Amino acid sequence: METITITSIRKETDSNFTDLITTVNYNLSVTIGGETESGSFQSTMGYPEVGEAIYTNYNSLTEDQVKGWVKGSPEYGGAFNSVKSIIQERTATNITDFPWS
């Protein structure tokens, strides 16, 4: 199970867009087998083509929409795997009963 909590966003205005979301900072919490770990991460949003239908006015954004952007960002897979590997390392079984003992 994974939970994304948006902690802050950065928005910019230029000659084409007003309040364009450029960066999303978030906390990612992952639970595997009852073990939970979390970390803070950042995703950079792509710049839409002028006239593309994907631009959403800032005042019309929803939390679920921004979370969807985070999950679709190139950085998200690395963030998820980073948190997941901490859990896997913490829960790994170390064997000390060697066959040559």
PDB file of N, CA and C in Angstrom:
ATOM      1  N   MET A   1       0.840  -1.170   0.000  1.00  0.00           N
ATOM      2  CA  MET A   1       0.000   0.000   0.000  1.00  0.00           C
ATOM      3  C   MET A   1       0.890   1.239   0.000  1.00  0.00           C
ATOM      4  N   GLU A   2       0.495   2.232  -0.748  1.00  0.00           N
ATOM      5  CA  GLU A   2       1.262   3.465  -0.806  1.00  0.00           C
ATOM      6  C   GLU A   2       0.344   4.658  -0.591  1.00  0.00           C
ATOM      7  N   THR A   3       0.876   5.664   0.082  1.00  0.00           N
ATOM      8  CA  THR A   3       0.120   6.878   0.344  1.00  0.00           C
ATOM      9  C   THR A   3       0.981   8.077  -0.027  1.00  0.00           C
ATOM     10  N   ILE A   4       0.422   8.961  -0.839  1.00  0.00           N
ATOM     11  CA  ILE A   4       1.108  10.187  -1.223  1.00  0.00           C
ATOM     12  C   ILE A   4       0.438  11.348  -0.504  1.00  0.00           C
ATOM     13  N   THR A   5       1.257  12.164   0.163  1.00  0.00           N
ATOM     14  CA  THR A   5       0.769  13.372   0.806  1.00  0.00           C
ATOM     15  C   THR A   5       1.505  14.547   0.178  1.00  0.00           C
ATOM     16  N   ILE A   6       0.771  15.424  -0.484  1.00  0.00           N
ATOM     17  CA  ILE A   6       1.373  16.597  -1.102  1.00  0.00           C
ATOM     18  C   ILE A   6       1.767  17.576   0.003  1.00  0.00           C
ATOM     19  N   THR A   7       3.037  17.979   0.019  1.00  0.00           N
ATOM     20  CA  THR A   7       3.508  18.889   1.065  1.00  0.00           C
ATOM     21  C   THR A   7       3.657  20.320   0.565  1.00  0.00           C
ATOM     22  N   SER A   8       3.978  20.490  -0.731  1.00  0.00           N
ATOM     23  CA  SER A   8       4.048  21.832  -1.313  1.00  0.00           C
ATOM     24  C   SER A   8       4.116  21.708  -2.830  1.00  0.00           C
ATOM     25  N   ILE A   9       3.777  22.803  -3.483  1.00  0.00           N
ATOM     26  CA  ILE A   9       3.899  22.860  -4.935  1.00  0.00           C
ATOM     27  C   ILE A   9       4.557  24.179  -5.311  1.00  0.00           C
ATOM     28  N   ARG A  10       5.152  24.190  -6.478  1.00  0.00           N
ATOM     29  CA  ARG A  10       5.713  25.423  -7.016  1.00  0.00           C
ATOM     30  C   ARG A  10       4.957  25.733  -8.303  1.00  0.00           C
ATOM     31  N   LYS A  11       4.550  26.965  -8.445  1.00  0.00           N
ATOM     32  CA  LYS A  11       3.843  27.358  -9.653  1.00  0.00           C
ATOM     33  C   LYS A  11       4.521  28.588 -10.247  1.00  0.00           C
ATOM     34  N   GLU A  12       4.432  28.691 -11.567  1.00  0.00           N
ATOM     35  CA  GLU A  12       5.043  29.807 -12.274  1.00  0.00           C
ATOM     36  C   GLU A  12       4.057  30.362 -13.291  1.00  0.00           C
ATOM     37  N   THR A  13       4.260  31.584 -13.628  1.00  0.00           N
ATOM     38  CA  THR A  13       3.457  32.233 -14.658  1.00  0.00           C
ATOM     39  C   THR A  13       4.401  32.749 -15.735  1.00  0.00           C
ATOM     40  N   ASP A  14       4.044  32.487 -16.980  1.00  0.00           N
ATOM     41  CA  ASP A  14       4.821  33.023 -18.095  1.00  0.00           C
ATOM     42  C   ASP A  14       3.859  33.568 -19.139  1.00  0.00           C
ATOM     43  N   SER A  15       4.342  33.824 -20.326  1.00  0.00           N
ATOM     44  CA  SER A  15       3.489  34.437 -21.351  1.00  0.00           C
ATOM     45  C   SER A  15       2.418  33.482 -21.878  1.00  0.00           C
ATOM     46  N   ASN A  16       2.559  32.182 -21.613  1.00  0.00           N
ATOM     47  CA  ASN A  16       1.600  31.196 -22.105  1.00  0.00           C
ATOM     48  C   ASN A  16       0.648  30.667 -21.040  1.00  0.00           C
ATOM     49  N   PHE A  17       1.114  30.591 -19.799  1.00  0.00           N
ATOM     50  CA  PHE A  17       0.320  29.967 -18.744  1.00  0.00           C
ATOM     51  C   PHE A  17       0.353  30.805 -17.477  1.00  0.00           C
ATOM     52  N   THR A  18      -0.746  30.765 -16.747  1.00  0.00           N
ATOM     53  CA  THR A  18      -0.838  31.404 -15.439  1.00  0.00           C
ATOM     54  C   THR A  18      -0.897  30.309 -14.386  1.00  0.00           C
ATOM     55  N   ASP A  19      -0.064  30.429 -13.367  1.00  0.00           N
ATOM     56  CA  ASP A  19      -0.040  29.473 -12.250  1.00  0.00           C
ATOM     57  C   ASP A  19       0.181  28.032 -12.719  1.00  0.00           C
ATOM     58  N   LEU A  20       1.166  27.839 -13.569  1.00  0.00           N
ATOM     59  CA  LEU A  20       1.521  26.507 -14.064  1.00  0.00           C
ATOM     60  C   LEU A  20       2.297  25.766 -12.986  1.00  0.00           C
ATOM     61  N   ILE A  21       1.844  24.566 -12.616  1.00  0.00           N
ATOM     62  CA  ILE A  21       2.530  23.761 -11.609  1.00  0.00           C
ATOM     63  C   ILE A  21       3.806  23.201 -12.237  1.00  0.00           C
ATOM     64  N   THR A  22       4.951  23.535 -11.645  1.00  0.00           N
ATOM     65  CA  THR A  22       6.230  23.077 -12.184  1.00  0.00           C
ATOM     66  C   THR A  22       6.889  22.006 -11.317  1.00  0.00           C
ATOM     67  N   THR A  23       6.612  22.032 -10.019  1.00  0.00           N
ATOM     68  CA  THR A  23       7.244  21.098  -9.089  1.00  0.00           C
ATOM     69  C   THR A  23       6.247  20.723  -7.997  1.00  0.00           C
ATOM     70  N   VAL A  24       6.251  19.440  -7.631  1.00  0.00           N
ATOM     71  CA  VAL A  24       5.419  18.969  -6.525  1.00  0.00           C
ATOM     72  C   VAL A  24       6.329  18.267  -5.526  1.00  0.00           C
ATOM     73  N   ASN A  25       6.285  18.706  -4.286  1.00  0.00           N
ATOM     74  CA  ASN A  25       6.996  18.043  -3.192  1.00  0.00           C
ATOM     75  C   ASN A  25       5.976  17.205  -2.436  1.00  0.00           C
ATOM     76  N   TYR A  26       6.391  16.003  -2.070  1.00  0.00           N
ATOM     77  CA  TYR A  26       5.433  15.097  -1.432  1.00  0.00           C
ATOM     78  C   TYR A  26       6.129  14.119  -0.499  1.00  0.00           C
ATOM     79  N   ASN A  27       5.330  13.563   0.379  1.00  0.00           N
ATOM     80  CA  ASN A  27       5.776  12.495   1.257  1.00  0.00           C
ATOM     81  C   ASN A  27       5.156  11.207   0.731  1.00  0.00           C
ATOM     82  N   LEU A  28       5.979  10.185   0.590  1.00  0.00           N
ATOM     83  CA  LEU A  28       5.511   8.882   0.124  1.00  0.00           C
ATOM     84  C   LEU A  28       5.673   7.877   1.253  1.00  0.00           C
ATOM     85  N   SER A  29       4.570   7.253   1.628  1.00  0.00           N
ATOM     86  CA  SER A  29       4.571   6.225   2.665  1.00  0.00           C
ATOM     87  C   SER A  29       4.184   4.901   2.011  1.00  0.00           C
ATOM     88  N   VAL A  30       5.006   3.874   2.232  1.00  0.00           N
ATOM     89  CA  VAL A  30       4.778   2.555   1.643  1.00  0.00           C
ATOM     90  C   VAL A  30       4.703   1.534   2.771  1.00  0.00           C
ATOM     91  N   THR A  31       3.696   0.640   2.697  1.00  0.00           N
ATOM     92  CA  THR A  31       3.551  -0.442   3.660  1.00  0.00           C
ATOM     93  C   THR A  31       3.599  -1.764   2.915  1.00  0.00           C
ATOM     94  N   ILE A  32       4.495  -2.645   3.359  1.00  0.00           N
ATOM     95  CA  ILE A  32       4.628  -3.990   2.794  1.00  0.00           C
ATOM     96  C   ILE A  32       4.708  -4.968   3.958  1.00  0.00           C
ATOM     97  N   GLY A  33       3.795  -5.911   3.972  1.00  0.00           N
ATOM     98  CA  GLY A  33       3.819  -6.934   5.025  1.00  0.00           C
ATOM     99  C   GLY A  33       3.781  -6.378   6.431  1.00  0.00           C
ATOM    100  N   GLY A  34       3.058  -5.312   6.648  1.00  0.00           N
ATOM    101  CA  GLY A  34       2.950  -4.730   7.976  1.00  0.00           C
ATOM    102  C   GLY A  34       4.074  -3.768   8.330  1.00  0.00           C
ATOM    103  N   GLU A  35       5.084  -3.653   7.483  1.00  0.00           N
ATOM    104  CA  GLU A  35       6.200  -2.730   7.708  1.00  0.00           C
ATOM    105  C   GLU A  35       5.961  -1.469   6.889  1.00  0.00           C
ATOM    106  N   THR A  36       6.137  -0.307   7.517  1.00  0.00           N
ATOM    107  CA  THR A  36       5.912   0.969   6.845  1.00  0.00           C
ATOM    108  C   THR A  36       7.180   1.806   6.872  1.00  0.00           C
ATOM    109  N   GLU A  37       7.432   2.452   5.759  1.00  0.00           N
ATOM    110  CA  GLU A  37       8.559   3.384   5.644  1.00  0.00           C
ATOM    111  C   GLU A  37       8.081   4.559   4.807  1.00  0.00           C
ATOM    112  N   SER A  38       8.678   5.709   5.014  1.00  0.00           N
ATOM    113  CA  SER A  38       8.292   6.873   4.229  1.00  0.00           C
ATOM    114  C   SER A  38       9.507   7.736   3.927  1.00  0.00           C
ATOM    115  N   GLY A  39       9.336   8.618   2.975  1.00  0.00           N
ATOM    116  CA  GLY A  39      10.395   9.537   2.606  1.00  0.00           C
ATOM    117  C   GLY A  39       9.795  10.744   1.909  1.00  0.00           C
ATOM    118  N   SER A  40      10.590  11.804   1.824  1.00  0.00           N
ATOM    119  CA  SER A  40      10.169  13.026   1.150  1.00  0.00           C
ATOM    120  C   SER A  40      10.827  13.096  -0.216  1.00  0.00           C
ATOM    121  N   PHE A  41      10.047  13.466  -1.229  1.00  0.00           N
ATOM    122  CA  PHE A  41      10.528  13.461  -2.602  1.00  0.00           C
ATOM    123  C   PHE A  41       9.987  14.657  -3.355  1.00  0.00           C
ATOM    124  N   GLN A  42      10.507  14.838  -4.572  1.00  0.00           N
ATOM    125  CA  GLN A  42      10.092  15.941  -5.434  1.00  0.00           C
ATOM    126  C   GLN A  42       9.913  15.416  -6.851  1.00  0.00           C
ATOM    127  N   SER A  43       8.863  15.861  -7.511  1.00  0.00           N
ATOM    128  CA  SER A  43       8.631  15.528  -8.907  1.00  0.00           C
ATOM    129  C   SER A  43       8.527  16.815  -9.710  1.00  0.00           C
ATOM    130  N   THR A  44       9.173  16.805 -10.866  1.00  0.00           N
ATOM    131  CA  THR A  44       9.114  17.940 -11.772  1.00  0.00           C
ATOM    132  C   THR A  44       8.050  17.657 -12.816  1.00  0.00           C
ATOM    133  N   MET A  45       7.153  18.598 -12.990  1.00  0.00           N
ATOM    134  CA  MET A  45       6.081  18.437 -13.952  1.00  0.00           C
ATOM    135  C   MET A  45       6.551  18.922 -15.316  1.00  0.00           C
ATOM    136  N   GLY A  46       6.108  18.265 -16.358  1.00  0.00           N
ATOM    137  CA  GLY A  46       6.464  18.675 -17.712  1.00  0.00           C
ATOM    138  C   GLY A  46       5.757  19.963 -18.107  1.00  0.00           C
ATOM    139  N   TYR A  47       6.311  20.645 -19.078  1.00  0.00           N
ATOM    140  CA  TYR A  47       5.713  21.873 -19.585  1.00  0.00           C
ATOM    141  C   TYR A  47       4.791  21.520 -20.744  1.00  0.00           C
ATOM    142  N   PRO A  48       3.499  21.823 -20.631  1.00  0.00           N
ATOM    143  CA  PRO A  48       2.564  21.445 -21.701  1.00  0.00           C
ATOM    144  C   PRO A  48       2.753  22.302 -22.948  1.00  0.00           C
ATOM    145  N   GLU A  49       2.372  21.751 -24.063  1.00  0.00           N
ATOM    146  CA  GLU A  49       2.365  22.524 -25.305  1.00  0.00           C
ATOM    147  C   GLU A  49       1.241  23.557 -25.214  1.00  0.00           C
ATOM    148  N   VAL A  50       1.498  24.715 -25.752  1.00  0.00           N
ATOM    149  CA  VAL A  50       0.466  25.767 -25.762  1.00  0.00           C
ATOM    150  C   VAL A  50      -0.747  25.240 -26.526  1.00  0.00           C
ATOM    151  N   GLY A  51      -1.907  25.364 -25.920  1.00  0.00           N
ATOM    152  CA  GLY A  51      -3.141  24.905 -26.542  1.00  0.00           C
ATOM    153  C   GLY A  51      -3.506  23.464 -26.205  1.00  0.00           C
ATOM    154  N   GLU A  52      -2.615  22.736 -25.506  1.00  0.00           N
ATOM    155  CA  GLU A  52      -2.936  21.351 -25.129  1.00  0.00           C
ATOM    156  C   GLU A  52      -4.060  21.335 -24.103  1.00  0.00           C
ATOM    157  N   ALA A  53      -4.863  20.320 -24.177  1.00  0.00           N
ATOM    158  CA  ALA A  53      -6.008  20.198 -23.265  1.00  0.00           C
ATOM    159  C   ALA A  53      -5.594  19.754 -21.865  1.00  0.00           C
ATOM    160  N   ILE A  54      -4.318  19.395 -21.659  1.00  0.00           N
ATOM    161  CA  ILE A  54      -3.925  18.874 -20.344  1.00  0.00           C
ATOM    162  C   ILE A  54      -3.731  19.966 -19.294  1.00  0.00           C
ATOM    163  N   TYR A  55      -3.623  21.209 -19.712  1.00  0.00           N
ATOM    164  CA  TYR A  55      -3.463  22.295 -18.750  1.00  0.00           C
ATOM    165  C   TYR A  55      -4.756  22.488 -17.972  1.00  0.00           C
ATOM    166  N   THR A  56      -4.631  22.503 -16.645  1.00  0.00           N
ATOM    167  CA  THR A  56      -5.776  22.741 -15.774  1.00  0.00           C
ATOM    168  C   THR A  56      -5.523  24.012 -14.985  1.00  0.00           C
ATOM    169  N   ASN A  57      -6.482  24.904 -14.971  1.00  0.00           N
ATOM    170  CA  ASN A  57      -6.373  26.125 -14.198  1.00  0.00           C
ATOM    171  C   ASN A  57      -6.100  25.779 -12.735  1.00  0.00           C
ATOM    172  N   TYR A  58      -5.198  26.518 -12.114  1.00  0.00           N
ATOM    173  CA  TYR A  58      -4.794  26.235 -10.738  1.00  0.00           C
ATOM    174  C   TYR A  58      -5.992  26.120  -9.788  1.00  0.00           C
ATOM    175  N   ASN A  59      -6.948  27.008  -9.903  1.00  0.00           N
ATOM    176  CA  ASN A  59      -8.106  26.993  -9.002  1.00  0.00           C
ATOM    177  C   ASN A  59      -9.036  25.806  -9.240  1.00  0.00           C
ATOM    178  N   SER A  60      -8.830  25.083 -10.332  1.00  0.00           N
ATOM    179  CA  SER A  60      -9.648  23.911 -10.636  1.00  0.00           C
ATOM    180  C   SER A  60      -8.970  22.595 -10.291  1.00  0.00           C
ATOM    181  N   LEU A  61      -7.733  22.670  -9.825  1.00  0.00           N
ATOM    182  CA  LEU A  61      -6.996  21.441  -9.494  1.00  0.00           C
ATOM    183  C   LEU A  61      -7.619  20.712  -8.314  1.00  0.00           C
ATOM    184  N   THR A  62      -7.489  19.390  -8.336  1.00  0.00           N
ATOM    185  CA  THR A  62      -7.885  18.582  -7.182  1.00  0.00           C
ATOM    186  C   THR A  62      -6.647  17.866  -6.646  1.00  0.00           C
ATOM    187  N   GLU A  63      -6.720  17.469  -5.405  1.00  0.00           N
ATOM    188  CA  GLU A  63      -5.615  16.732  -4.792  1.00  0.00           C
ATOM    189  C   GLU A  63      -5.360  15.431  -5.548  1.00  0.00           C
ATOM    190  N   ASP A  64      -6.424  14.722  -5.914  1.00  0.00           N
ATOM    191  CA  ASP A  64      -6.256  13.463  -6.647  1.00  0.00           C
ATOM    192  C   ASP A  64      -5.589  13.681  -8.001  1.00  0.00           C
ATOM    193  N   GLN A  65      -5.882  14.788  -8.646  1.00  0.00           N
ATOM    194  CA  GLN A  65      -5.267  15.087  -9.940  1.00  0.00           C
ATOM    195  C   GLN A  65      -3.761  15.293  -9.778  1.00  0.00           C
ATOM    196  N   VAL A  66      -3.354  16.054  -8.779  1.00  0.00           N
ATOM    197  CA  VAL A  66      -1.929  16.302  -8.546  1.00  0.00           C
ATOM    198  C   VAL A  66      -1.226  15.003  -8.144  1.00  0.00           C
ATOM    199  N   LYS A  67      -1.875  14.187  -7.323  1.00  0.00           N
ATOM    200  CA  LYS A  67      -1.294  12.882  -6.962  1.00  0.00           C
ATOM    201  C   LYS A  67      -1.113  12.016  -8.208  1.00  0.00           C
ATOM    202  N   GLY A  68      -2.057  12.077  -9.125  1.00  0.00           N
ATOM    203  CA  GLY A  68      -1.940  11.338 -10.374  1.00  0.00           C
ATOM    204  C   GLY A  68      -0.753  11.809 -11.193  1.00  0.00           C
ATOM    205  N   TRP A  69      -0.519  13.118 -11.213  1.00  0.00           N
ATOM    206  CA  TRP A  69       0.647  13.655 -11.911  1.00  0.00           C
ATOM    207  C   TRP A  69       1.933  13.133 -11.282  1.00  0.00           C
ATOM    208  N   VAL A  70       1.956  13.112  -9.944  1.00  0.00           N
ATOM    209  CA  VAL A  70       3.144  12.606  -9.238  1.00  0.00           C
ATOM    210  C   VAL A  70       3.389  11.151  -9.621  1.00  0.00           C
ATOM    211  N   LYS A  71       2.349  10.329  -9.553  1.00  0.00           N
ATOM    212  CA  LYS A  71       2.507   8.905  -9.873  1.00  0.00           C
ATOM    213  C   LYS A  71       2.924   8.685 -11.323  1.00  0.00           C
ATOM    214  N   GLY A  72       2.577   9.599 -12.209  1.00  0.00           N
ATOM    215  CA  GLY A  72       2.944   9.485 -13.607  1.00  0.00           C
ATOM    216  C   GLY A  72       4.275  10.128 -13.956  1.00  0.00           C
ATOM    217  N   SER A  73       4.918  10.752 -12.992  1.00  0.00           N
ATOM    218  CA  SER A  73       6.180  11.445 -13.263  1.00  0.00           C
ATOM    219  C   SER A  73       7.341  10.450 -13.352  1.00  0.00           C
ATOM    220  N   PRO A  74       8.387  10.808 -14.087  1.00  0.00           N
ATOM    221  CA  PRO A  74       9.546   9.915 -14.210  1.00  0.00           C
ATOM    222  C   PRO A  74      10.234   9.621 -12.871  1.00  0.00           C
ATOM    223  N   GLU A  75      10.150  10.550 -11.939  1.00  0.00           N
ATOM    224  CA  GLU A  75      10.834  10.376 -10.646  1.00  0.00           C
ATOM    225  C   GLU A  75      10.119   9.419  -9.697  1.00  0.00           C
ATOM    226  N   TYR A  76       8.828   9.192  -9.926  1.00  0.00           N
ATOM    227  CA  TYR A  76       8.044   8.432  -8.950  1.00  0.00           C
ATOM    228  C   TYR A  76       8.521   6.985  -8.779  1.00  0.00           C
ATOM    229  N   GLY A  77       8.854   6.327  -9.866  1.00  0.00           N
ATOM    230  CA  GLY A  77       9.317   4.942  -9.765  1.00  0.00           C
ATOM    231  C   GLY A  77      10.541   4.808  -8.887  1.00  0.00           C
ATOM    232  N   GLY A  78      11.476   5.726  -9.032  1.00  0.00           N
ATOM    233  CA  GLY A  78      12.680   5.709  -8.199  1.00  0.00           C
ATOM    234  C   GLY A  78      12.367   5.982  -6.740  1.00  0.00           C
ATOM    235  N   ALA A  79      11.439   6.907  -6.491  1.00  0.00           N
ATOM    236  CA  ALA A  79      11.044   7.206  -5.113  1.00  0.00           C
ATOM    237  C   ALA A  79      10.405   5.989  -4.467  1.00  0.00           C
ATOM    238  N   PHE A  80       9.485   5.357  -5.197  1.00  0.00           N
ATOM    239  CA  PHE A  80       8.802   4.173  -4.670  1.00  0.00           C
ATOM    240  C   PHE A  80       9.807   3.052  -4.392  1.00  0.00           C
ATOM    241  N   ASN A  81      10.699   2.790  -5.337  1.00  0.00           N
ATOM    242  CA  ASN A  81      11.688   1.719  -5.152  1.00  0.00           C
ATOM    243  C   ASN A  81      12.654   2.018  -4.018  1.00  0.00           C
ATOM    244  N   SER A  82      12.967   3.277  -3.809  1.00  0.00           N
ATOM    245  CA  SER A  82      13.848   3.665  -2.705  1.00  0.00           C
ATOM    246  C   SER A  82      13.227   3.316  -1.360  1.00  0.00           C
ATOM    247  N   VAL A  83      11.959   3.677  -1.179  1.00  0.00           N
ATOM    248  CA  VAL A  83      11.262   3.383   0.077  1.00  0.00           C
ATOM    249  C   VAL A  83      11.059   1.877   0.224  1.00  0.00           C
ATOM    250  N   LYS A  84      10.682   1.223  -0.858  1.00  0.00           N
ATOM    251  CA  LYS A  84      10.459  -0.225  -0.833  1.00  0.00           C
ATOM    252  C   LYS A  84      11.741  -0.975  -0.454  1.00  0.00           C
ATOM    253  N   SER A  85      12.893  -0.555  -0.978  1.00  0.00           N
ATOM    254  CA  SER A  85      14.139  -1.259  -0.681  1.00  0.00           C
ATOM    255  C   SER A  85      14.548  -1.095   0.782  1.00  0.00           C
ATOM    256  N   ILE A  86      14.190   0.031   1.401  1.00  0.00           N
ATOM    257  CA  ILE A  86      14.468   0.199   2.834  1.00  0.00           C
ATOM    258  C   ILE A  86      13.687  -0.841   3.637  1.00  0.00           C
ATOM    259  N   ILE A  87      12.431  -1.045   3.277  1.00  0.00           N
ATOM    260  CA  ILE A  87      11.613  -2.050   3.958  1.00  0.00           C
ATOM    261  C   ILE A  87      12.180  -3.436   3.725  1.00  0.00           C
ATOM    262  N   GLN A  88      12.527  -3.740   2.487  1.00  0.00           N
ATOM    263  CA  GLN A  88      13.064  -5.070   2.172  1.00  0.00           C
ATOM    264  C   GLN A  88      14.369  -5.333   2.908  1.00  0.00           C
ATOM    265  N   GLU A  89      15.217  -4.334   3.003  1.00  0.00           N
ATOM    266  CA  GLU A  89      16.490  -4.494   3.716  1.00  0.00           C
ATOM    267  C   GLU A  89      16.246  -4.715   5.211  1.00  0.00           C
ATOM    268  N   ARG A  90      15.292  -3.975   5.755  1.00  0.00           N
ATOM    269  CA  ARG A  90      14.988  -4.076   7.189  1.00  0.00           C
ATOM    270  C   ARG A  90      14.372  -5.432   7.540  1.00  0.00           C
ATOM    271  N   THR A  91      13.614  -6.006   6.605  1.00  0.00           N
ATOM    272  CA  THR A  91      12.909  -7.250   6.902  1.00  0.00           C
ATOM    273  C   THR A  91      13.612  -8.490   6.336  1.00  0.00           C
ATOM    274  N   ALA A  92      14.775  -8.310   5.737  1.00  0.00           N
ATOM    275  CA  ALA A  92      15.500  -9.451   5.169  1.00  0.00           C
ATOM    276  C   ALA A  92      15.939 -10.407   6.284  1.00  0.00           C
ATOM    277  N   THR A  93      15.925 -11.674   5.969  1.00  0.00           N
ATOM    278  CA  THR A  93      16.344 -12.696   6.934  1.00  0.00           C
ATOM    279  C   THR A  93      17.821 -12.986   6.737  1.00  0.00           C
ATOM    280  N   ASN A  94      18.574 -12.810   7.796  1.00  0.00           N
ATOM    281  CA  ASN A  94      19.995 -13.152   7.763  1.00  0.00           C
ATOM    282  C   ASN A  94      20.152 -14.572   8.297  1.00  0.00           C
ATOM    283  N   ILE A  95      20.764 -15.399   7.504  1.00  0.00           N
ATOM    284  CA  ILE A  95      20.953 -16.795   7.889  1.00  0.00           C
ATOM    285  C   ILE A  95      22.335 -16.960   8.504  1.00  0.00           C
ATOM    286  N   THR A  96      22.370 -17.526   9.690  1.00  0.00           N
ATOM    287  CA  THR A  96      23.660 -17.747  10.351  1.00  0.00           C
ATOM    288  C   THR A  96      23.948 -19.221  10.569  1.00  0.00           C
ATOM    289  N   ASP A  97      23.018 -20.084  10.152  1.00  0.00           N
ATOM    290  CA  ASP A  97      23.202 -21.535  10.254  1.00  0.00           C
ATOM    291  C   ASP A  97      23.703 -22.040   8.887  1.00  0.00           C
ATOM    292  N   PHE A  98      25.049 -22.027   8.734  1.00  0.00           N
ATOM    293  CA  PHE A  98      25.635 -22.376   7.447  1.00  0.00           C
ATOM    294  C   PHE A  98      25.726 -23.887   7.266  1.00  0.00           C
ATOM    295  N   PRO A  99      25.657 -24.377   6.036  1.00  0.00           N
ATOM    296  CA  PRO A  99      25.722 -25.810   5.808  1.00  0.00           C
ATOM    297  C   PRO A  99      27.104 -26.393   6.163  1.00  0.00           C
ATOM    298  N   TRP A 100      28.116 -25.571   6.268  1.00  0.00           N
ATOM    299  CA  TRP A 100      29.454 -26.074   6.584  1.00  0.00           C
ATOM    300  C   TRP A 100      29.793 -26.024   8.075  1.00  0.00           C
ATOM    301  N   SER A 101      28.808 -25.655   8.891  1.00  0.00           N
ATOM    302  CA  SER A 101      29.044 -25.598  10.336  1.00  0.00           C
ATOM    303  C   SER A 101      29.061 -26.984  10.929  1.00  0.00           C
TER     304      SER A 101
END
